[in-house]
N, C-alpha and C. Protein backbone atom coordinates (compact mmCIF):
# COMPACT_ATOMS: atom_id res chain seq x y z
N MET A 1 -198.25 72.72 -47.98
CA MET A 1 -197.36 72.11 -48.84
C MET A 1 -196.70 70.87 -49.69
N VAL A 2 -196.34 71.26 -50.54
CA VAL A 2 -195.88 69.88 -51.75
C VAL A 2 -194.80 69.22 -51.36
N LEU A 3 -194.52 68.21 -51.24
CA LEU A 3 -193.40 67.41 -51.45
C LEU A 3 -193.00 66.78 -52.56
N VAL A 4 -191.67 67.44 -53.29
CA VAL A 4 -191.17 67.15 -54.99
C VAL A 4 -190.20 66.20 -54.80
N GLY A 5 -189.71 65.29 -55.13
CA GLY A 5 -188.89 64.56 -54.88
C GLY A 5 -187.64 64.03 -54.00
N GLY A 6 -188.87 63.74 -53.16
CA GLY A 6 -188.88 63.42 -51.86
C GLY A 6 -188.44 63.84 -51.23
N GLY A 7 -189.22 65.38 -50.76
CA GLY A 7 -189.01 66.05 -49.93
C GLY A 7 -187.93 67.21 -49.91
N ARG A 8 -187.23 67.27 -51.34
CA ARG A 8 -186.42 68.56 -51.91
C ARG A 8 -186.85 69.53 -52.05
N MET A 9 -188.66 69.95 -52.14
CA MET A 9 -188.62 70.85 -52.21
C MET A 9 -189.17 71.58 -50.78
N HIS A 10 -189.04 70.92 -49.96
CA HIS A 10 -189.69 70.99 -48.39
C HIS A 10 -188.49 72.08 -48.08
N ALA A 11 -187.31 71.32 -48.09
CA ALA A 11 -186.19 71.70 -48.03
C ALA A 11 -185.50 73.55 -48.40
N VAL A 12 -186.29 73.40 -50.26
CA VAL A 12 -185.62 73.90 -50.59
C VAL A 12 -186.71 75.45 -50.26
N SER A 13 -188.05 75.45 -49.65
CA SER A 13 -188.82 76.13 -49.26
C SER A 13 -188.40 76.73 -48.18
N GLU A 14 -188.08 75.75 -47.25
CA GLU A 14 -187.97 75.86 -45.46
C GLU A 14 -186.72 77.24 -45.93
N GLU A 15 -185.84 76.50 -46.65
CA GLU A 15 -184.44 77.68 -46.70
C GLU A 15 -184.89 78.94 -46.92
N SER A 16 -185.67 80.04 -47.61
CA SER A 16 -186.28 81.01 -48.69
C SER A 16 -186.29 81.06 -47.28
N GLY A 17 -187.85 80.49 -47.03
CA GLY A 17 -188.25 80.82 -45.88
C GLY A 17 -187.96 81.42 -44.60
N ARG A 18 -186.69 80.93 -44.00
CA ARG A 18 -186.02 81.22 -42.86
C ARG A 18 -184.83 82.82 -43.26
N VAL A 19 -184.48 82.58 -44.95
CA VAL A 19 -183.28 83.73 -45.11
C VAL A 19 -184.76 84.91 -45.56
N PHE A 20 -185.69 84.87 -45.45
CA PHE A 20 -186.93 85.51 -45.39
C PHE A 20 -187.06 86.55 -44.10
N ARG A 21 -187.28 85.12 -43.28
CA ARG A 21 -187.46 85.95 -41.57
C ARG A 21 -186.34 86.98 -41.23
N GLU A 22 -185.00 85.98 -41.26
CA GLU A 22 -183.78 87.00 -40.99
C GLU A 22 -183.75 88.22 -41.32
N GLU A 23 -183.91 88.04 -42.51
CA GLU A 23 -183.82 89.75 -43.65
C GLU A 23 -184.88 90.38 -43.07
N TRP A 24 -185.89 89.83 -43.10
CA TRP A 24 -187.29 90.84 -42.24
C TRP A 24 -186.83 91.70 -40.91
N ILE A 25 -186.56 90.24 -39.72
CA ILE A 25 -186.03 91.31 -38.62
C ILE A 25 -184.80 91.98 -39.08
N ALA A 26 -184.32 91.34 -39.70
CA ALA A 26 -182.85 93.25 -39.29
C ALA A 26 -183.46 94.31 -39.87
N GLY A 27 -184.67 94.11 -40.94
CA GLY A 27 -185.23 95.85 -41.55
C GLY A 27 -185.19 96.71 -40.73
N VAL A 28 -186.23 95.27 -40.02
CA VAL A 28 -187.90 95.82 -38.42
C VAL A 28 -186.32 96.50 -37.80
N ARG A 29 -185.26 95.58 -37.13
CA ARG A 29 -184.25 96.26 -35.74
C ARG A 29 -183.46 97.38 -36.77
N LYS A 30 -183.09 97.52 -38.10
CA LYS A 30 -182.80 98.00 -38.48
C LYS A 30 -184.15 100.00 -38.66
N ARG A 31 -185.00 99.86 -38.72
CA ARG A 31 -186.04 101.08 -39.10
C ARG A 31 -186.27 101.59 -37.01
N TYR A 32 -186.56 99.91 -36.09
CA TYR A 32 -187.09 100.17 -35.07
C TYR A 32 -185.88 99.87 -33.80
N PRO A 33 -184.49 100.68 -33.66
CA PRO A 33 -183.72 99.87 -33.22
C PRO A 33 -184.66 100.07 -31.65
N GLY A 34 -183.66 99.77 -30.88
CA GLY A 34 -184.00 99.56 -29.47
C GLY A 34 -184.87 97.92 -29.09
N GLU A 35 -185.23 97.46 -28.17
CA GLU A 35 -185.80 96.47 -27.76
C GLU A 35 -187.46 96.96 -27.59
N PRO A 36 -187.97 95.46 -27.93
CA PRO A 36 -189.58 95.33 -27.86
C PRO A 36 -189.77 95.59 -26.60
N LYS A 37 -191.29 95.78 -26.63
CA LYS A 37 -192.38 96.44 -25.27
C LYS A 37 -192.10 94.99 -25.37
N PRO A 38 -192.14 94.23 -23.72
CA PRO A 38 -192.75 93.31 -23.46
C PRO A 38 -193.83 92.52 -23.80
N GLY A 39 -194.70 93.48 -24.04
CA GLY A 39 -196.10 92.98 -24.47
C GLY A 39 -196.10 92.60 -25.82
N TYR A 40 -194.71 92.46 -26.98
CA TYR A 40 -194.53 92.33 -28.27
C TYR A 40 -193.71 90.84 -27.84
């Protein structure tokens, strides 16, 4: 990861990654409802 402008780039990248992760999880839960197997 490249830090630009005193770490500003890192913060933007981290926030966009968090949004992507939340949307990904929501999509998985929508497509595959219920609790995952204990092994996952």
